[in-house]
Amino acid sequence: MVERSGDLGRDVVAVEEPLEIRVDGEAVVVTMRSPGAERDLALGYLYAEGMIEQVVDVEKVIVDEAPRLDEALPPDAEPAVPGSIVDVQLSARGRRAANRRAETRKRERAFRVTSACGVCGKPSLEDLWVRLPAIHPLDLEPDRERLLVQGLPATMQEGQPLFGDTGGVHAAALFEVAGGLPRLLWLREDIGRHNAVDKVVGKALRANRLPLDDTILAVSGRLGFEIVQKAAVAGIPVLAAVGAPSSLALDIAHLAGIRVYAFVAADRSNLYPAAPVEARRLDGSD
């Protein structure tokens, strides 16, 4: 790179590569992501989309990494395409469940996902609404919960080496709340914030940890619909974001029963409470 002074220098940039997710050999989606935790990303994505429900729905996960652009290839080889393919092969139980879902809800999913959007290209508005479990609030006093949330960004920063090197990735961190104290379970970085969440949820799925009803999900950057949707499916009761929330994110969180903290820092946070259980309406009716 060329610095402002005109001198030549070196910089570290975040890697962005495509990942194709397949189910039983059939392509489902291509997402732009940061390499790493491909299995968890694929499983988390499929779980959020309702294509798998439990870890026993999966027989095995095969990761096929394509050659990198800087790798030497034979002279007669085809040009290399960077990225990886993850093929999630369903178990017999998973196939039966998938077939039942396909019979009740037929749809086409010919779309692509970019690192900027986790729901762009969905074929209908109905596809934005997925199954939502009963979400139970944390057993914490309001003031205690707020103070706990405001301490999470500092903990996250300690586990973000890629952001420290590049300044170009997001992070999602899942904290378990036990005895009134937070414990970091998993933190993942990715160029796409929705990918970071999928990686965390996929890890929880493999650990048989779902639903995540005693946890807080903290994310860097803004809070959009796709993050709330993924949290809701996973049963997460509290979301904390360093940035601003969108209107749709707050609408879905309110209806799903998720408490949202935004603009979170050590000395401040904005709380957007969830709707009372009796007021939640998920079917869009009046």
Protein backbone atom coordinates (compact mmCIF):
# COMPACT_ATOMS: atom_id res chain seq x y z
CA MET A 1 0.00 0.00 0.00
CA VAL A 2 0.97 3.67 -0.31
CA GLU A 3 0.81 5.65 2.89
CA ARG A 4 -0.33 9.25 3.06
CA SER A 5 3.28 10.36 3.15
CA GLY A 6 3.87 8.61 -0.15
CA ASP A 7 5.99 5.89 1.39
CA LEU A 8 5.37 2.26 0.58
CA GLY A 9 4.10 0.18 3.48
CA ARG A 10 2.47 -3.12 4.34
CA ASP A 11 -1.04 -3.68 5.60
CA VAL A 12 -3.01 -6.63 6.88
CA VAL A 13 -6.47 -7.07 5.38
CA ALA A 14 -9.26 -9.47 6.27
CA VAL A 15 -9.63 -12.44 3.93
CA GLU A 16 -13.00 -12.75 2.21
CA GLU A 17 -13.80 -15.94 0.29
CA PRO A 18 -16.94 -17.71 -0.90
CA LEU A 19 -18.30 -20.71 0.93
CA GLU A 20 -20.84 -22.97 -0.73
CA ILE A 21 -23.09 -24.85 1.65
CA ARG A 22 -24.64 -28.06 0.39
CA VAL A 23 -27.07 -30.53 1.89
CA ASP A 24 -26.63 -34.11 0.69
CA GLY A 25 -24.66 -32.81 -2.29
CA GLU A 26 -27.22 -30.22 -3.35
CA ALA A 27 -26.17 -26.56 -3.26
CA VAL A 28 -28.21 -24.48 -0.84
CA VAL A 29 -26.42 -21.14 -0.59
CA VAL A 30 -23.16 -19.34 -1.26
CA THR A 31 -22.01 -16.87 1.37
CA MET A 32 -18.99 -14.60 1.51
CA ARG A 33 -17.14 -15.22 4.74
CA SER A 34 -13.81 -15.21 6.55
CA PRO A 35 -12.15 -18.64 6.44
CA GLY A 36 -12.38 -20.72 9.60
CA ALA A 37 -15.05 -22.69 11.48
CA GLU A 38 -16.68 -23.75 8.21
CA ARG A 39 -18.51 -26.67 9.79
CA ASP A 40 -20.03 -24.48 12.48
CA LEU A 41 -20.99 -21.82 9.95
CA ALA A 42 -22.81 -24.34 7.78
CA LEU A 43 -24.60 -25.97 10.71
CA GLY A 44 -25.58 -22.64 12.23
CA TYR A 45 -26.95 -21.40 8.93
CA LEU A 46 -28.97 -24.56 8.32
CA TYR A 47 -30.31 -24.47 11.87
CA ALA A 48 -31.43 -20.85 11.53
CA GLU A 49 -33.14 -21.70 8.24
CA GLY A 50 -35.00 -24.64 9.79
CA MET A 51 -33.27 -27.21 7.61
CA ILE A 52 -31.90 -29.11 10.61
CA GLU A 53 -33.23 -29.15 14.16
CA GLN A 54 -30.77 -31.22 16.19
CA VAL A 55 -27.24 -32.47 15.86
CA VAL A 56 -28.63 -36.00 15.35
CA ASP A 57 -30.10 -34.76 12.05
CA VAL A 58 -26.54 -34.72 10.68
CA GLU A 59 -24.62 -37.84 9.70
CA LYS A 60 -21.37 -36.06 8.82
CA VAL A 61 -19.98 -32.80 7.50
CA ILE A 62 -17.45 -32.80 4.65
CA VAL A 63 -15.28 -29.74 4.01
CA ASP A 64 -13.65 -29.47 0.58
CA GLU A 65 -11.24 -26.56 0.34
CA ALA A 66 -10.44 -25.21 -3.11
CA PRO A 67 -6.87 -24.12 -3.95
CA ARG A 68 -5.98 -20.61 -2.89
CA LEU A 69 -5.17 -18.05 -5.57
CA ASP A 70 -1.54 -17.87 -4.45
CA GLU A 71 -0.96 -21.63 -4.66
CA ALA A 72 1.14 -22.98 -7.53
CA LEU A 73 -0.89 -24.99 -10.05
CA PRO A 74 0.17 -27.18 -12.98
CA PRO A 75 0.39 -25.30 -16.30
CA ASP A 76 -2.60 -27.17 -17.75
CA ALA A 77 -4.81 -26.75 -14.68
CA GLU A 78 -8.05 -24.79 -14.75
CA PRO A 79 -7.94 -21.36 -13.04
CA ALA A 80 -8.39 -21.73 -9.30
CA VAL A 81 -11.55 -20.43 -7.66
CA PRO A 82 -10.95 -19.47 -4.03
CA GLY A 83 -13.27 -20.72 -1.35
CA SER A 84 -14.60 -23.92 0.12
CA ILE A 85 -17.53 -26.27 -0.11
CA VAL A 86 -19.21 -27.71 2.97
CA ASP A 87 -21.49 -30.65 2.35
CA VAL A 88 -23.77 -31.44 5.29
CA GLN A 89 -24.95 -35.01 4.92
CA LEU A 90 -28.14 -35.74 6.78
CA SER A 91 -28.83 -38.78 8.90
CA ALA A 92 -31.86 -40.97 8.23
CA ARG A 93 -33.72 -39.01 10.90
CA GLY A 94 -32.64 -35.73 9.35
CA ARG A 95 -33.84 -36.81 5.90
CA ARG A 96 -37.23 -37.86 7.23
CA ALA A 97 -37.64 -34.52 9.00
CA ALA A 98 -36.47 -32.64 5.91
CA ASN A 99 -38.93 -34.51 3.70
CA ARG A 100 -41.79 -33.68 6.06
CA ARG A 101 -40.87 -30.01 6.00
CA ALA A 102 -40.57 -30.05 2.21
CA GLU A 103 -44.03 -31.53 1.85
CA THR A 104 -45.62 -28.88 4.01
CA ARG A 105 -43.68 -25.94 2.65
CA LYS A 106 -42.40 -26.11 -0.89
CA ARG A 107 -40.13 -23.32 -1.92
CA GLU A 108 -37.23 -22.49 -4.16
CA ARG A 109 -34.09 -21.01 -2.71
CA ALA A 110 -32.10 -19.81 -5.75
CA PHE A 111 -30.25 -16.89 -4.21
CA ARG A 112 -26.85 -15.75 -3.05
CA VAL A 113 -25.81 -14.16 0.23
CA THR A 114 -23.16 -11.47 0.53
CA SER A 115 -21.13 -10.51 3.56
CA ALA A 116 -23.41 -7.48 3.99
CA CYS A 117 -26.73 -9.27 4.22
CA GLY A 118 -27.93 -12.57 5.63
CA VAL A 119 -31.47 -12.47 4.22
CA CYS A 120 -31.11 -10.70 0.86
CA GLY A 121 -32.80 -12.58 -1.98
CA LYS A 122 -35.32 -14.58 0.01
CA PRO A 123 -38.14 -15.52 -2.36
CA SER A 124 -41.03 -14.31 -0.17
CA LEU A 125 -41.79 -12.36 2.95
CA GLU A 126 -42.97 -15.56 4.59
CA ASP A 127 -39.39 -16.85 4.43
CA LEU A 128 -38.39 -14.15 6.90
CA TRP A 129 -40.58 -15.82 9.50
CA VAL A 130 -39.21 -19.05 10.86
CA ARG A 131 -40.12 -21.19 13.82
CA LEU A 132 -39.64 -19.36 17.10
CA PRO A 133 -39.30 -21.27 20.38
CA ALA A 134 -40.63 -19.99 23.68
CA ILE A 135 -38.00 -17.56 24.94
CA HIS A 136 -37.57 -17.26 28.69
CA PRO A 137 -36.06 -14.10 30.22
CA LEU A 138 -32.91 -14.25 32.28
CA ASP A 139 -33.42 -14.45 36.02
CA LEU A 140 -31.67 -11.14 36.74
CA GLU A 141 -32.69 -7.86 38.31
CA PRO A 142 -32.92 -5.14 35.61
CA ASP A 143 -30.09 -3.02 37.00
CA ARG A 144 -27.87 -6.06 37.42
CA GLU A 145 -28.57 -7.21 33.88
CA ARG A 146 -27.69 -3.81 32.44
CA LEU A 147 -24.39 -3.62 34.32
CA LEU A 148 -23.54 -7.14 33.23
CA VAL A 149 -24.28 -6.29 29.58
CA GLN A 150 -22.16 -3.14 29.69
CA GLY A 151 -19.14 -5.20 30.69
CA LEU A 152 -19.36 -7.53 27.68
CA PRO A 153 -17.69 -5.36 24.99
CA ALA A 154 -14.43 -5.26 26.95
CA THR A 155 -14.42 -9.04 27.20
CA MET A 156 -15.16 -9.34 23.48
CA GLN A 157 -12.28 -7.06 22.51
CA GLU A 158 -9.83 -9.34 24.28
CA GLY A 159 -10.85 -12.19 21.98
CA GLN A 160 -10.77 -10.38 18.62
CA PRO A 161 -7.23 -10.78 17.25
CA LEU A 162 -8.38 -10.60 13.63
CA PHE A 163 -10.12 -7.29 14.22
CA GLY A 164 -7.03 -6.03 16.00
CA ASP A 165 -4.89 -6.86 12.97
CA THR A 166 -7.26 -5.72 10.22
CA GLY A 167 -10.07 -3.59 11.66
CA GLY A 168 -12.25 -5.26 9.03
CA VAL A 169 -14.28 -8.02 10.71
CA HIS A 170 -17.22 -8.41 13.04
CA ALA A 171 -17.55 -10.59 16.11
CA ALA A 172 -20.28 -12.53 17.87
CA ALA A 173 -19.82 -13.79 21.42
CA LEU A 174 -22.09 -16.06 23.39
CA PHE A 175 -22.10 -15.68 27.16
CA GLU A 176 -23.68 -18.06 29.63
CA VAL A 177 -25.21 -16.39 32.67
CA ALA A 178 -25.02 -18.54 35.77
CA GLY A 179 -25.29 -17.27 39.31
CA GLY A 180 -25.56 -13.73 38.02
CA LEU A 181 -22.15 -13.80 36.35
CA PRO A 182 -21.34 -14.05 32.62
CA ARG A 183 -19.05 -16.76 31.28
CA LEU A 184 -17.81 -16.61 27.71
CA LEU A 185 -18.73 -19.79 25.88
CA TRP A 186 -17.62 -19.04 22.33
CA LEU A 187 -16.52 -16.04 20.30
CA ARG A 188 -16.15 -16.03 16.53
CA GLU A 189 -14.96 -13.38 14.07
CA ASP A 190 -16.06 -13.00 10.46
CA ILE A 191 -16.26 -10.39 7.75
CA GLY A 192 -20.05 -10.89 7.85
CA ARG A 193 -21.74 -10.35 11.21
CA HIS A 194 -24.45 -12.90 10.40
CA ASN A 195 -21.73 -15.46 9.64
CA ALA A 196 -20.15 -14.85 13.04
CA VAL A 197 -23.51 -15.57 14.66
CA ASP A 198 -23.98 -18.73 12.58
CA LYS A 199 -20.54 -19.93 13.66
CA VAL A 200 -21.44 -19.49 17.34
CA VAL A 201 -24.85 -21.13 16.99
CA GLY A 202 -23.36 -23.98 14.95
CA LYS A 203 -20.85 -24.61 17.70
CA ALA A 204 -23.67 -24.66 20.24
CA LEU A 205 -25.55 -27.15 18.07
CA ARG A 206 -22.56 -29.50 17.93
CA ALA A 207 -22.23 -29.19 21.71
CA ASN A 208 -25.92 -30.12 22.21
CA ARG A 209 -26.35 -26.73 23.89
CA LEU A 210 -29.55 -25.57 22.17
CA PRO A 211 -31.84 -23.85 23.01
CA LEU A 212 -29.67 -21.11 24.49
CA ASP A 213 -32.16 -19.88 27.06
CA ASP A 214 -29.62 -18.83 29.71
CA THR A 215 -27.34 -16.80 27.48
CA ILE A 216 -26.59 -13.36 26.10
CA LEU A 217 -25.44 -12.88 22.51
CA ALA A 218 -23.16 -9.87 22.06
CA VAL A 219 -22.32 -8.58 18.59
CA SER A 220 -20.12 -5.87 17.19
CA GLY A 221 -21.58 -3.26 14.87
CA ARG A 222 -25.24 -2.63 14.21
CA LEU A 223 -28.11 -4.97 14.99
CA GLY A 224 -30.14 -5.93 11.94
CA PHE A 225 -33.06 -8.25 11.39
CA GLU A 226 -30.97 -11.27 10.45
CA ILE A 227 -29.13 -11.28 13.78
CA VAL A 228 -32.36 -11.12 15.77
CA GLN A 229 -33.91 -13.85 13.64
CA LYS A 230 -30.99 -16.20 14.25
CA ALA A 231 -31.00 -15.40 17.98
CA ALA A 232 -34.74 -16.00 18.21
CA VAL A 233 -34.52 -19.42 16.57
CA ALA A 234 -31.76 -20.35 19.00
CA GLY A 235 -33.84 -19.23 22.00
CA ILE A 236 -31.47 -16.47 23.11
CA PRO A 237 -33.27 -14.08 25.51
CA VAL A 238 -30.90 -11.08 25.47
CA LEU A 239 -29.01 -9.37 22.65
CA ALA A 240 -26.29 -6.76 23.15
CA ALA A 241 -24.96 -4.69 20.25
CA VAL A 242 -22.22 -2.12 20.15
CA GLY A 243 -24.02 -0.27 17.35
CA ALA A 244 -27.54 0.82 16.50
CA PRO A 245 -30.57 -1.45 15.98
CA SER A 246 -32.83 -1.33 12.94
CA SER A 247 -36.58 -0.86 13.23
CA LEU A 248 -37.32 -4.37 11.95
CA ALA A 249 -34.79 -5.87 14.34
CA LEU A 250 -36.60 -4.23 17.25
CA ASP A 251 -40.01 -5.27 15.94
CA ILE A 252 -38.98 -8.92 15.72
CA ALA A 253 -37.19 -8.84 19.06
CA HIS A 254 -40.24 -7.28 20.70
CA LEU A 255 -42.56 -9.95 19.33
CA ALA A 256 -40.17 -12.84 19.99
CA GLY A 257 -39.56 -11.83 23.59
CA ILE A 258 -35.91 -10.77 23.27
CA ARG A 259 -34.52 -7.90 25.30
CA VAL A 260 -32.21 -5.74 23.18
CA TYR A 261 -29.39 -3.54 24.42
CA ALA A 262 -27.86 -1.23 21.81
CA PHE A 263 -25.05 1.35 21.79
CA VAL A 264 -23.48 -0.76 24.52
CA ALA A 265 -20.33 0.55 26.16
CA ALA A 266 -18.81 0.39 29.63
CA ASP A 267 -20.76 3.44 30.80
CA ARG A 268 -23.95 3.33 28.74
CA SER A 269 -26.56 1.24 26.92
CA ASN A 270 -30.06 1.68 25.52
CA LEU A 271 -32.58 -0.99 26.51
CA TYR A 272 -35.46 -1.97 24.23
CA PRO A 273 -37.67 -4.28 26.33
CA ALA A 274 -39.46 -7.32 25.00
CA ALA A 275 -43.23 -7.46 24.84
CA PRO A 276 -45.05 -9.15 27.71
CA VAL A 277 -45.66 -12.80 26.97
CA GLU A 278 -49.41 -12.32 26.68
CA ALA A 279 -48.94 -9.51 24.13
CA ARG A 280 -46.76 -11.42 21.69
CA ARG A 281 -48.34 -12.02 18.30
CA LEU A 282 -46.21 -13.82 15.73
CA ASP A 283 -48.83 -14.35 13.02
CA GLY A 284 -49.20 -10.70 12.01
CA SER A 285 -52.86 -10.57 13.07
CA ASP A 286 -54.43 -7.70 14.96
